[in-house]
Amino acid sequence: MTEHDPALPCSRVGADELRPGDPTPGMSRRVALHTETMWSGTVDTDAGAVSGWHHHGEHDTTLYIVSGRMRLESGPGGQSVVEAGPGDFLRVPAGAIHRESNPGDEASRAVIVRCGSGTPTINVEGPAARA
């Protein structure tokens, strides 16, 4: 069978089947599916929490905010900031060093889909300062 075999059935992963994902301080990831080219799951961040700096290697990442708030800091010195709430999408390009935080007063949850290959999360010290 090939990846594009029309006979392959669709599948389901129940909420109780998610397993712990890659650790980054300040957040809790759970994996639903992980193949050679795709990673999907959830991330929960407590109110006021700030994650460690990290990137997702060769994976392009999309986050859909289900509840709460999410702020992403990226770019030189972490000076580029975007914030999202329920119903919003965020994009993290492959290799972009960033950290997430929850500026709200309730826990946040996002659904994550990463497309790419290799290690899905690489924790680092932080972004380089502007040259």
C-alpha atoms as a PDB file:
ATOM      1  CA  MET A   1       0.000   0.000   0.000  1.00  0.00           C
ATOM      2  CA  THR A   2       1.072   3.571  -0.617  1.00  0.00           C
ATOM      3  CA  GLU A   3       0.311   6.701   1.349  1.00  0.00           C
ATOM      4  CA  HIS A   4      -2.249   7.617  -1.343  1.00  0.00           C
ATOM      5  CA  ASP A   5      -4.025   4.276  -1.471  1.00  0.00           C
ATOM      6  CA  PRO A   6      -7.774   4.990  -1.926  1.00  0.00           C
ATOM      7  CA  ALA A   7      -8.554   1.791   0.007  1.00  0.00           C
ATOM      8  CA  LEU A   8      -7.008   3.120   3.226  1.00  0.00           C
ATOM      9  CA  PRO A   9      -9.752   3.790   5.771  1.00  0.00           C
ATOM     10  CA  CYS A  10     -10.188   6.965   7.784  1.00  0.00           C
ATOM     11  CA  SER A  11      -9.433   6.631  11.481  1.00  0.00           C
ATOM     12  CA  ARG A  12     -10.302   8.155  14.828  1.00  0.00           C
ATOM     13  CA  VAL A  13      -8.211   9.022  17.877  1.00  0.00           C
ATOM     14  CA  GLY A  14     -10.344   9.474  20.985  1.00  0.00           C
ATOM     15  CA  ALA A  15      -9.625  12.182  23.545  1.00  0.00           C
ATOM     16  CA  ASP A  16      -8.714   9.459  26.050  1.00  0.00           C
ATOM     17  CA  GLU A  17      -6.106   8.063  23.618  1.00  0.00           C
ATOM     18  CA  LEU A  18      -3.888  11.169  23.448  1.00  0.00           C
ATOM     19  CA  ARG A  19      -0.460  10.626  24.987  1.00  0.00           C
ATOM     20  CA  PRO A  20       2.102  13.023  26.476  1.00  0.00           C
ATOM     21  CA  GLY A  21       3.973  15.059  23.872  1.00  0.00           C
ATOM     22  CA  ASP A  22       7.376  16.712  23.657  1.00  0.00           C
ATOM     23  CA  PRO A  23       8.145  18.578  26.875  1.00  0.00           C
ATOM     24  CA  THR A  24       8.777  22.331  26.918  1.00  0.00           C
ATOM     25  CA  PRO A  25       8.701  24.099  30.291  1.00  0.00           C
ATOM     26  CA  GLY A  26       5.464  26.047  30.860  1.00  0.00           C
ATOM     27  CA  MET A  27       3.173  24.005  28.621  1.00  0.00           C
ATOM     28  CA  SER A  28       1.639  20.566  28.343  1.00  0.00           C
ATOM     29  CA  ARG A  29       1.434  18.916  24.898  1.00  0.00           C
ATOM     30  CA  ARG A  30      -0.561  15.798  24.048  1.00  0.00           C
ATOM     31  CA  VAL A  31      -0.076  13.860  20.817  1.00  0.00           C
ATOM     32  CA  ALA A  32      -2.981  12.533  18.762  1.00  0.00           C
ATOM     33  CA  LEU A  33      -1.070  11.451  15.636  1.00  0.00           C
ATOM     34  CA  HIS A  34       2.590  11.439  14.591  1.00  0.00           C
ATOM     35  CA  THR A  35       3.724  10.193  11.184  1.00  0.00           C
ATOM     36  CA  GLU A  36       6.901  10.783   9.155  1.00  0.00           C
ATOM     37  CA  THR A  37       5.475  14.043   7.779  1.00  0.00           C
ATOM     38  CA  MET A  38       2.798  15.217  10.223  1.00  0.00           C
ATOM     39  CA  TRP A  39       2.289  15.782  13.964  1.00  0.00           C
ATOM     40  CA  SER A  40      -1.045  16.704  15.551  1.00  0.00           C
ATOM     41  CA  GLY A  41      -2.241  17.159  19.088  1.00  0.00           C
ATOM     42  CA  THR A  42      -3.094  19.739  21.713  1.00  0.00           C
ATOM     43  CA  VAL A  43      -1.268  22.158  23.966  1.00  0.00           C
ATOM     44  CA  ASP A  44      -2.509  23.472  27.305  1.00  0.00           C
ATOM     45  CA  THR A  45      -0.978  26.514  28.980  1.00  0.00           C
ATOM     46  CA  ASP A  46      -1.925  27.697  32.473  1.00  0.00           C
ATOM     47  CA  ALA A  47      -3.029  31.306  33.004  1.00  0.00           C
ATOM     48  CA  GLY A  48       0.028  33.540  33.318  1.00  0.00           C
ATOM     49  CA  ALA A  49       2.439  30.786  32.229  1.00  0.00           C
ATOM     50  CA  VAL A  50       5.332  31.419  29.843  1.00  0.00           C
ATOM     51  CA  SER A  51       6.956  28.533  27.959  1.00  0.00           C
ATOM     52  CA  GLY A  52      10.631  27.999  27.359  1.00  0.00           C
ATOM     53  CA  TRP A  53      12.129  29.092  24.037  1.00  0.00           C
ATOM     54  CA  HIS A  54      11.985  26.440  21.333  1.00  0.00           C
ATOM     55  CA  HIS A  55      11.504  25.771  17.625  1.00  0.00           C
ATOM     56  CA  HIS A  56       9.960  22.973  15.614  1.00  0.00           C
ATOM     57  CA  GLY A  57      12.838  22.099  13.291  1.00  0.00           C
ATOM     58  CA  GLU A  58      11.640  21.388   9.756  1.00  0.00           C
ATOM     59  CA  HIS A  59       7.952  21.468  10.762  1.00  0.00           C
ATOM     60  CA  ASP A  60       5.606  24.278   9.721  1.00  0.00           C
ATOM     61  CA  THR A  61       3.080  24.622  12.549  1.00  0.00           C
ATOM     62  CA  THR A  62      -0.514  25.839  12.701  1.00  0.00           C
ATOM     63  CA  LEU A  63      -2.321  26.359  15.993  1.00  0.00           C
ATOM     64  CA  TYR A  64      -6.084  26.764  16.358  1.00  0.00           C
ATOM     65  CA  ILE A  65      -7.017  28.438  19.645  1.00  0.00           C
ATOM     66  CA  VAL A  66      -9.913  26.578  21.264  1.00  0.00           C
ATOM     67  CA  SER A  67     -10.061  28.492  24.558  1.00  0.00           C
ATOM     68  CA  GLY A  68      -8.168  31.139  26.481  1.00  0.00           C
ATOM     69  CA  ARG A  69      -5.443  33.393  25.080  1.00  0.00           C
ATOM     70  CA  MET A  70      -2.107  32.620  23.459  1.00  0.00           C
ATOM     71  CA  ARG A  71       0.755  35.010  22.823  1.00  0.00           C
ATOM     72  CA  LEU A  72       3.768  34.145  20.647  1.00  0.00           C
ATOM     73  CA  GLU A  73       7.075  35.996  20.887  1.00  0.00           C
ATOM     74  CA  SER A  74       9.557  35.441  18.042  1.00  0.00           C
ATOM     75  CA  GLY A  75      12.016  37.178  15.760  1.00  0.00           C
ATOM     76  CA  PRO A  76      15.254  38.935  16.759  1.00  0.00           C
ATOM     77  CA  GLY A  77      15.347  39.222  20.537  1.00  0.00           C
ATOM     78  CA  GLY A  78      11.777  37.895  20.713  1.00  0.00           C
ATOM     79  CA  GLN A  79      10.457  41.354  19.801  1.00  0.00           C
ATOM     80  CA  SER A  80       7.785  40.228  17.318  1.00  0.00           C
ATOM     81  CA  VAL A  81       4.578  39.532  19.269  1.00  0.00           C
ATOM     82  CA  VAL A  82       1.227  38.157  18.090  1.00  0.00           C
ATOM     83  CA  GLU A  83      -1.728  37.284  20.293  1.00  0.00           C
ATOM     84  CA  ALA A  84      -4.785  35.148  19.569  1.00  0.00           C
ATOM     85  CA  GLY A  85      -8.003  33.990  21.205  1.00  0.00           C
ATOM     86  CA  PRO A  86     -10.760  31.441  20.594  1.00  0.00           C
ATOM     87  CA  GLY A  87     -11.369  30.787  16.892  1.00  0.00           C
ATOM     88  CA  ASP A  88      -8.060  32.345  15.782  1.00  0.00           C
ATOM     89  CA  PHE A  89      -5.213  30.548  13.993  1.00  0.00           C
ATOM     90  CA  LEU A  90      -1.491  31.138  14.527  1.00  0.00           C
ATOM     91  CA  ARG A  91       1.356  30.073  12.221  1.00  0.00           C
ATOM     92  CA  VAL A  92       4.874  29.209  13.339  1.00  0.00           C
ATOM     93  CA  PRO A  93       7.214  28.811  10.341  1.00  0.00           C
ATOM     94  CA  ALA A  94       9.719  25.943  10.355  1.00  0.00           C
ATOM     95  CA  GLY A  95      12.791  26.860  12.399  1.00  0.00           C
ATOM     96  CA  ALA A  96      11.262  29.986  13.988  1.00  0.00           C
ATOM     97  CA  ILE A  97      12.562  30.320  17.555  1.00  0.00           C
ATOM     98  CA  HIS A  98       9.649  31.354  19.741  1.00  0.00           C
ATOM     99  CA  ARG A  99       7.941  30.998  23.085  1.00  0.00           C
ATOM    100  CA  GLU A 100       4.291  30.910  24.011  1.00  0.00           C
ATOM    101  CA  SER A 101       2.586  32.533  26.934  1.00  0.00           C
ATOM    102  CA  ASN A 102      -0.925  32.813  28.242  1.00  0.00           C
ATOM    103  CA  PRO A 103      -1.663  36.443  29.179  1.00  0.00           C
ATOM    104  CA  GLY A 104      -5.233  35.568  30.197  1.00  0.00           C
ATOM    105  CA  ASP A 105      -6.788  34.611  33.509  1.00  0.00           C
ATOM    106  CA  GLU A 106      -7.908  31.122  32.439  1.00  0.00           C
ATOM    107  CA  ALA A 107      -6.033  28.128  31.033  1.00  0.00           C
ATOM    108  CA  SER A 108      -5.689  28.054  27.258  1.00  0.00           C
ATOM    109  CA  ARG A 109      -5.982  25.139  24.857  1.00  0.00           C
ATOM    110  CA  ALA A 110      -4.931  24.974  21.227  1.00  0.00           C
ATOM    111  CA  VAL A 111      -5.049  22.261  18.588  1.00  0.00           C
ATOM    112  CA  ILE A 112      -1.726  21.865  16.763  1.00  0.00           C
ATOM    113  CA  VAL A 113      -0.915  20.494  13.320  1.00  0.00           C
ATOM    114  CA  ARG A 114       2.712  20.334  12.178  1.00  0.00           C
ATOM    115  CA  CYS A 115       3.781  19.362   8.673  1.00  0.00           C
ATOM    116  CA  GLY A 116       7.391  18.400   8.097  1.00  0.00           C
ATOM    117  CA  SER A 117       9.893  15.803   9.175  1.00  0.00           C
ATOM    118  CA  GLY A 118      12.447  15.256  11.885  1.00  0.00           C
ATOM    119  CA  THR A 119      12.252  16.106  15.571  1.00  0.00           C
ATOM    120  CA  PRO A 120       9.034  18.070  16.232  1.00  0.00           C
ATOM    121  CA  THR A 121      10.325  20.188  19.165  1.00  0.00           C
ATOM    122  CA  ILE A 122      13.796  21.482  19.965  1.00  0.00           C
ATOM    123  CA  ASN A 123      14.238  23.492  23.184  1.00  0.00           C
ATOM    124  CA  VAL A 124      16.808  26.317  23.017  1.00  0.00           C
ATOM    125  CA  GLU A 125      18.165  29.129  25.201  1.00  0.00           C
ATOM    126  CA  GLY A 126      16.398  31.931  23.289  1.00  0.00           C
ATOM    127  CA  PRO A 127      16.429  33.933  20.073  1.00  0.00           C
ATOM    128  CA  ALA A 128      19.470  35.825  18.891  1.00  0.00           C
ATOM    129  CA  ALA A 129      19.456  39.558  19.449  1.00  0.00           C
ATOM    130  CA  ARG A 130      19.007  41.875  16.484  1.00  0.00           C
ATOM    131  CA  ALA A 131      22.317  42.259  14.632  1.00  0.00           C
END
